[in-house]
Amino acid sequence: MIQMKDIVREGHPALRKKAVEVEFPLTDKTREISEELLQYLINSHDPDIADKYNLRAGIGLAAPQIDVSKRIFALHITEIEGEPLSFVAINPKIVSHSVEQTYLSSGEGCLSVDRDIKGFVPRYKRITISAYDLEGKSFKKRLKGLAAIAFQHELDHLNGVMFYDHINKNDPFQEIPNAVPFDRD
């Protein structure tokens, strides 16, 4: 079971390295890592488990965040309209995106960052993604709002990019052209 002690923090070299593509069929170890990424997120939303193991709540977790340089991440978002979103993405890609952008008005956070970093992080408002599941089957999804933001945040981890790299250093709250803020509340 992944715990906070297993998640590397900013400054760790794994967070700045481009992760490698995953080959299929998955090894037992890669399958286990993939399942554990998702399980961490599920556990972090369960008050009893989160409290017992001192887990910070998260909606996304990428393999590089546990010092595994593979193109894998998990998303688990329950607070969106419609069906909850919960999946592992292997070798994920954005195949198309909207011109319109969005950002979390409260700013983004990260399980690998222990400090509060203020500022707007520009993201595409809508994306179409492709990835592979644990069985090696390709899938596509259209994501918007929080799901699109979280997918882009985790994809950045696979490319060695941190969310705060996108924040305007001179004016962190500068209005983003062609963007509509997304409010989680």
C-alpha atoms as a PDB file:
ATOM      1  CA  MET A   1       0.000   0.000   0.000  1.00  0.00           C
ATOM      2  CA  ILE A   2       1.357   3.395  -1.015  1.00  0.00           C
ATOM      3  CA  GLN A   3       1.608   5.867   1.853  1.00  0.00           C
ATOM      4  CA  MET A   4       2.803   9.473   2.042  1.00  0.00           C
ATOM      5  CA  LYS A   5       6.346   8.288   2.892  1.00  0.00           C
ATOM      6  CA  ASP A   6       6.457   6.568  -0.524  1.00  0.00           C
ATOM      7  CA  ILE A   7       5.639   9.752  -2.462  1.00  0.00           C
ATOM      8  CA  VAL A   8       8.738  11.693  -3.495  1.00  0.00           C
ATOM      9  CA  ARG A   9       8.741  15.421  -2.900  1.00  0.00           C
ATOM     10  CA  GLU A  10       9.751  18.359  -5.061  1.00  0.00           C
ATOM     11  CA  GLY A  11      13.487  18.446  -5.623  1.00  0.00           C
ATOM     12  CA  HIS A  12      13.623  14.675  -6.197  1.00  0.00           C
ATOM     13  CA  PRO A  13      15.155  13.937  -9.643  1.00  0.00           C
ATOM     14  CA  ALA A  14      12.332  11.505 -10.597  1.00  0.00           C
ATOM     15  CA  LEU A  15       9.937  14.467 -10.810  1.00  0.00           C
ATOM     16  CA  ARG A  16      12.018  16.179 -13.506  1.00  0.00           C
ATOM     17  CA  LYS A  17      12.684  13.158 -15.703  1.00  0.00           C
ATOM     18  CA  LYS A  18      10.626  12.161 -18.742  1.00  0.00           C
ATOM     19  CA  ALA A  19       9.050   8.793 -17.952  1.00  0.00           C
ATOM     20  CA  VAL A  20       9.438   5.858 -20.349  1.00  0.00           C
ATOM     21  CA  GLU A  21       6.685   4.168 -22.369  1.00  0.00           C
ATOM     22  CA  VAL A  22       5.252   0.981 -20.909  1.00  0.00           C
ATOM     23  CA  GLU A  23       5.357  -2.246 -22.915  1.00  0.00           C
ATOM     24  CA  PHE A  24       2.603  -4.850 -22.971  1.00  0.00           C
ATOM     25  CA  PRO A  25       1.835  -7.323 -21.638  1.00  0.00           C
ATOM     26  CA  LEU A  26       2.440  -5.697 -18.269  1.00  0.00           C
ATOM     27  CA  THR A  27       4.869  -7.304 -15.880  1.00  0.00           C
ATOM     28  CA  ASP A  28       3.394  -8.325 -12.533  1.00  0.00           C
ATOM     29  CA  LYS A  29       5.352  -5.482 -10.896  1.00  0.00           C
ATOM     30  CA  THR A  30       4.033  -2.845 -13.337  1.00  0.00           C
ATOM     31  CA  ARG A  31       0.459  -4.103 -12.866  1.00  0.00           C
ATOM     32  CA  GLU A  32       0.896  -3.954  -9.085  1.00  0.00           C
ATOM     33  CA  ILE A  33       2.259  -0.390  -9.224  1.00  0.00           C
ATOM     34  CA  SER A  34      -0.626   0.693 -11.478  1.00  0.00           C
ATOM     35  CA  GLU A  35      -3.234  -0.778  -9.144  1.00  0.00           C
ATOM     36  CA  GLU A  36      -1.553   0.715  -6.080  1.00  0.00           C
ATOM     37  CA  LEU A  37      -1.590   4.229  -7.596  1.00  0.00           C
ATOM     38  CA  LEU A  38      -5.366   4.023  -7.937  1.00  0.00           C
ATOM     39  CA  GLN A  39      -5.789   2.376  -4.538  1.00  0.00           C
ATOM     40  CA  TYR A  40      -3.881   5.224  -2.847  1.00  0.00           C
ATOM     41  CA  LEU A  41      -6.360   7.736  -4.296  1.00  0.00           C
ATOM     42  CA  ILE A  42      -9.372   5.652  -3.241  1.00  0.00           C
ATOM     43  CA  ASN A  43      -7.906   5.208   0.256  1.00  0.00           C
ATOM     44  CA  SER A  44      -7.154   8.931   0.527  1.00  0.00           C
ATOM     45  CA  HIS A  45     -10.892   9.675   0.149  1.00  0.00           C
ATOM     46  CA  ASP A  46     -11.906   7.191   2.856  1.00  0.00           C
ATOM     47  CA  PRO A  47     -11.849   9.167   6.143  1.00  0.00           C
ATOM     48  CA  ASP A  48     -11.035   6.134   8.316  1.00  0.00           C
ATOM     49  CA  ILE A  49      -8.176   4.845   6.134  1.00  0.00           C
ATOM     50  CA  ALA A  50      -6.828   8.339   5.439  1.00  0.00           C
ATOM     51  CA  ASP A  51      -6.794   9.148   9.144  1.00  0.00           C
ATOM     52  CA  LYS A  52      -5.258   5.794  10.152  1.00  0.00           C
ATOM     53  CA  TYR A  53      -2.390   6.092   7.649  1.00  0.00           C
ATOM     54  CA  ASN A  54      -2.146   9.913   7.579  1.00  0.00           C
ATOM     55  CA  LEU A  55      -2.881  10.101   3.823  1.00  0.00           C
ATOM     56  CA  ARG A  56      -3.326  13.431   2.062  1.00  0.00           C
ATOM     57  CA  ALA A  57      -6.346  13.424  -0.220  1.00  0.00           C
ATOM     58  CA  GLY A  58      -5.566  13.354  -3.920  1.00  0.00           C
ATOM     59  CA  ILE A  59      -7.380  12.988  -7.216  1.00  0.00           C
ATOM     60  CA  GLY A  60      -4.369  11.969  -9.288  1.00  0.00           C
ATOM     61  CA  LEU A  61      -1.085  10.155  -8.752  1.00  0.00           C
ATOM     62  CA  ALA A  62       1.623   9.424 -11.328  1.00  0.00           C
ATOM     63  CA  ALA A  63       4.267   6.679 -11.238  1.00  0.00           C
ATOM     64  CA  PRO A  64       7.173   9.198 -11.158  1.00  0.00           C
ATOM     65  CA  GLN A  65       5.735  10.462  -7.854  1.00  0.00           C
ATOM     66  CA  ILE A  66       6.661   7.104  -6.308  1.00  0.00           C
ATOM     67  CA  ASP A  67      10.049   7.133  -8.073  1.00  0.00           C
ATOM     68  CA  VAL A  68       8.973   4.836 -10.923  1.00  0.00           C
ATOM     69  CA  SER A  69       9.859   6.270 -14.335  1.00  0.00           C
ATOM     70  CA  LYS A  70       6.946   4.786 -16.291  1.00  0.00           C
ATOM     71  CA  ARG A  71       4.173   6.511 -18.235  1.00  0.00           C
ATOM     72  CA  ILE A  72       1.384   5.520 -15.846  1.00  0.00           C
ATOM     73  CA  PHE A  73      -0.986   7.503 -13.667  1.00  0.00           C
ATOM     74  CA  ALA A  74      -4.297   7.056 -11.912  1.00  0.00           C
ATOM     75  CA  LEU A  75      -7.219   9.447 -11.550  1.00  0.00           C
ATOM     76  CA  HIS A  76     -10.002   9.112  -8.991  1.00  0.00           C
ATOM     77  CA  ILE A  77     -12.498  11.964  -8.961  1.00  0.00           C
ATOM     78  CA  THR A  78     -15.816  11.555  -7.203  1.00  0.00           C
ATOM     79  CA  GLU A  79     -16.954  15.183  -7.034  1.00  0.00           C
ATOM     80  CA  ILE A  80     -17.910  15.708 -10.678  1.00  0.00           C
ATOM     81  CA  GLU A  81     -21.303  15.786 -12.333  1.00  0.00           C
ATOM     82  CA  GLY A  82     -22.441  12.436 -13.643  1.00  0.00           C
ATOM     83  CA  GLU A  83     -20.447   9.283 -13.067  1.00  0.00           C
ATOM     84  CA  PRO A  84     -17.389   9.344 -10.835  1.00  0.00           C
ATOM     85  CA  LEU A  85     -14.160   9.021 -12.794  1.00  0.00           C
ATOM     86  CA  SER A  86     -11.719   6.362 -11.636  1.00  0.00           C
ATOM     87  CA  PHE A  87      -9.109   4.772 -13.907  1.00  0.00           C
ATOM     88  CA  VAL A  88      -5.480   3.924 -14.556  1.00  0.00           C
ATOM     89  CA  ALA A  89      -3.982   5.452 -17.716  1.00  0.00           C
ATOM     90  CA  ILE A  90      -0.966   3.749 -19.287  1.00  0.00           C
ATOM     91  CA  ASN A  91       0.967   5.606 -22.023  1.00  0.00           C
ATOM     92  CA  PRO A  92      -1.651   8.408 -21.951  1.00  0.00           C
ATOM     93  CA  LYS A  93      -1.851  11.129 -24.601  1.00  0.00           C
ATOM     94  CA  ILE A  94      -3.995  14.136 -25.397  1.00  0.00           C
ATOM     95  CA  VAL A  95      -5.242  13.604 -28.951  1.00  0.00           C
ATOM     96  CA  SER A  96      -7.171  16.878 -29.224  1.00  0.00           C
ATOM     97  CA  HIS A  97      -8.031  19.861 -27.069  1.00  0.00           C
ATOM     98  CA  SER A  98     -10.194  22.956 -27.004  1.00  0.00           C
ATOM     99  CA  VAL A  99      -8.857  26.387 -27.818  1.00  0.00           C
ATOM    100  CA  GLU A 100     -10.585  27.631 -24.689  1.00  0.00           C
ATOM    101  CA  GLN A 101      -8.613  27.291 -21.490  1.00  0.00           C
ATOM    102  CA  THR A 102      -9.496  26.993 -17.828  1.00  0.00           C
ATOM    103  CA  TYR A 103      -7.769  27.030 -14.444  1.00  0.00           C
ATOM    104  CA  LEU A 104      -8.613  26.250 -10.857  1.00  0.00           C
ATOM    105  CA  SER A 105      -9.464  29.571  -9.250  1.00  0.00           C
ATOM    106  CA  SER A 106      -8.144  28.193  -5.936  1.00  0.00           C
ATOM    107  CA  GLY A 107      -4.888  27.056  -7.593  1.00  0.00           C
ATOM    108  CA  GLU A 108      -3.535  23.546  -7.989  1.00  0.00           C
ATOM    109  CA  GLY A 109      -1.937  21.350  -5.374  1.00  0.00           C
ATOM    110  CA  CYS A 110       0.181  18.217  -5.594  1.00  0.00           C
ATOM    111  CA  LEU A 111       0.950  15.274  -3.327  1.00  0.00           C
ATOM    112  CA  SER A 112       4.649  15.826  -4.124  1.00  0.00           C
ATOM    113  CA  VAL A 113       4.524  19.476  -3.023  1.00  0.00           C
ATOM    114  CA  ASP A 114       4.259  20.181   0.702  1.00  0.00           C
ATOM    115  CA  ARG A 115       3.825  23.926   0.363  1.00  0.00           C
ATOM    116  CA  ASP A 116       0.971  26.088  -0.809  1.00  0.00           C
ATOM    117  CA  ILE A 117       1.836  27.666  -4.172  1.00  0.00           C
ATOM    118  CA  LYS A 118      -0.433  30.489  -5.259  1.00  0.00           C
ATOM    119  CA  GLY A 119      -1.254  31.262  -8.860  1.00  0.00           C
ATOM    120  CA  PHE A 120      -3.290  30.262 -11.883  1.00  0.00           C
ATOM    121  CA  VAL A 121      -2.214  27.227 -13.909  1.00  0.00           C
ATOM    122  CA  PRO A 122      -3.568  27.444 -17.476  1.00  0.00           C
ATOM    123  CA  ARG A 123      -5.066  24.188 -18.765  1.00  0.00           C
ATOM    124  CA  TYR A 124      -7.186  23.210 -21.756  1.00  0.00           C
ATOM    125  CA  LYS A 125     -10.879  23.338 -20.846  1.00  0.00           C
ATOM    126  CA  ARG A 126     -11.781  20.196 -22.823  1.00  0.00           C
ATOM    127  CA  ILE A 127      -9.553  17.368 -24.000  1.00  0.00           C
ATOM    128  CA  THR A 128      -9.891  14.067 -25.794  1.00  0.00           C
ATOM    129  CA  ILE A 129      -7.443  11.538 -24.447  1.00  0.00           C
ATOM    130  CA  SER A 130      -6.230   8.101 -25.365  1.00  0.00           C
ATOM    131  CA  ALA A 131      -4.504   5.595 -23.119  1.00  0.00           C
ATOM    132  CA  TYR A 132      -4.270   1.899 -22.377  1.00  0.00           C
ATOM    133  CA  ASP A 133      -5.847   0.012 -19.502  1.00  0.00           C
ATOM    134  CA  LEU A 134      -4.247  -2.750 -17.426  1.00  0.00           C
ATOM    135  CA  GLU A 135      -5.180  -5.335 -20.038  1.00  0.00           C
ATOM    136  CA  GLY A 136      -3.458  -3.380 -22.831  1.00  0.00           C
ATOM    137  CA  LYS A 137      -6.734  -2.266 -24.409  1.00  0.00           C
ATOM    138  CA  SER A 138      -6.747   1.211 -25.898  1.00  0.00           C
ATOM    139  CA  PHE A 139      -9.466   3.598 -24.753  1.00  0.00           C
ATOM    140  CA  LYS A 140     -10.502   7.171 -25.490  1.00  0.00           C
ATOM    141  CA  LYS A 141     -12.327   9.624 -23.252  1.00  0.00           C
ATOM    142  CA  ARG A 142     -13.530  13.189 -23.537  1.00  0.00           C
ATOM    143  CA  LEU A 143     -12.791  15.112 -20.369  1.00  0.00           C
ATOM    144  CA  LYS A 144     -13.734  18.593 -19.221  1.00  0.00           C
ATOM    145  CA  GLY A 145     -13.487  20.701 -16.097  1.00  0.00           C
ATOM    146  CA  LEU A 146     -11.744  19.144 -13.115  1.00  0.00           C
ATOM    147  CA  ALA A 147     -11.162  15.824 -14.907  1.00  0.00           C
ATOM    148  CA  ALA A 148      -9.398  17.606 -17.799  1.00  0.00           C
ATOM    149  CA  ILE A 149      -7.317  19.692 -15.390  1.00  0.00           C
ATOM    150  CA  ALA A 150      -6.288  16.634 -13.350  1.00  0.00           C
ATOM    151  CA  PHE A 151      -5.400  14.623 -16.474  1.00  0.00           C
ATOM    152  CA  GLN A 152      -3.141  17.431 -17.720  1.00  0.00           C
ATOM    153  CA  HIS A 153      -1.530  17.790 -14.265  1.00  0.00           C
ATOM    154  CA  GLU A 154      -0.687  14.062 -14.161  1.00  0.00           C
ATOM    155  CA  LEU A 155       0.467  13.999 -17.788  1.00  0.00           C
ATOM    156  CA  ASP A 156       2.876  16.809 -16.895  1.00  0.00           C
ATOM    157  CA  HIS A 157       4.392  14.528 -14.220  1.00  0.00           C
ATOM    158  CA  LEU A 158       5.179  11.981 -16.933  1.00  0.00           C
ATOM    159  CA  ASN A 159       7.078  14.701 -18.808  1.00  0.00           C
ATOM    160  CA  GLY A 160       9.048  16.024 -15.830  1.00  0.00           C
ATOM    161  CA  VAL A 161       6.915  19.158 -15.489  1.00  0.00           C
ATOM    162  CA  MET A 162       5.527  20.484 -12.204  1.00  0.00           C
ATOM    163  CA  PHE A 163       2.263  22.440 -12.066  1.00  0.00           C
ATOM    164  CA  TYR A 164       3.973  25.588 -10.806  1.00  0.00           C
ATOM    165  CA  ASP A 165       6.146  25.679 -13.946  1.00  0.00           C
ATOM    166  CA  HIS A 166       3.012  26.998 -15.715  1.00  0.00           C
ATOM    167  CA  ILE A 167       2.359  29.849 -13.262  1.00  0.00           C
ATOM    168  CA  ASN A 168       3.354  33.328 -14.434  1.00  0.00           C
ATOM    169  CA  LYS A 169       6.313  34.121 -12.162  1.00  0.00           C
ATOM    170  CA  ASN A 170       5.879  37.902 -12.430  1.00  0.00           C
ATOM    171  CA  ASP A 171       2.108  37.937 -11.941  1.00  0.00           C
ATOM    172  CA  PRO A 172       0.785  34.616 -10.574  1.00  0.00           C
ATOM    173  CA  PHE A 173      -2.848  35.759 -10.764  1.00  0.00           C
ATOM    174  CA  GLN A 174      -2.638  37.376 -14.191  1.00  0.00           C
ATOM    175  CA  GLU A 175      -5.771  36.850 -16.210  1.00  0.00           C
ATOM    176  CA  ILE A 176      -5.332  33.994 -18.679  1.00  0.00           C
ATOM    177  CA  PRO A 177      -6.494  34.918 -22.196  1.00  0.00           C
ATOM    178  CA  ASN A 178      -9.432  32.875 -23.510  1.00  0.00           C
ATOM    179  CA  ALA A 179      -9.878  31.125 -20.145  1.00  0.00           C
ATOM    180  CA  VAL A 180     -12.818  30.515 -17.832  1.00  0.00           C
ATOM    181  CA  PRO A 181     -12.064  29.772 -14.176  1.00  0.00           C
ATOM    182  CA  PHE A 182     -13.179  26.418 -12.792  1.00  0.00           C
ATOM    183  CA  ASP A 183     -14.407  26.441  -9.194  1.00  0.00           C
ATOM    184  CA  ARG A 184     -14.308  23.139  -7.306  1.00  0.00           C
ATOM    185  CA  ASP A 185     -16.830  24.211  -4.695  1.00  0.00           C
END
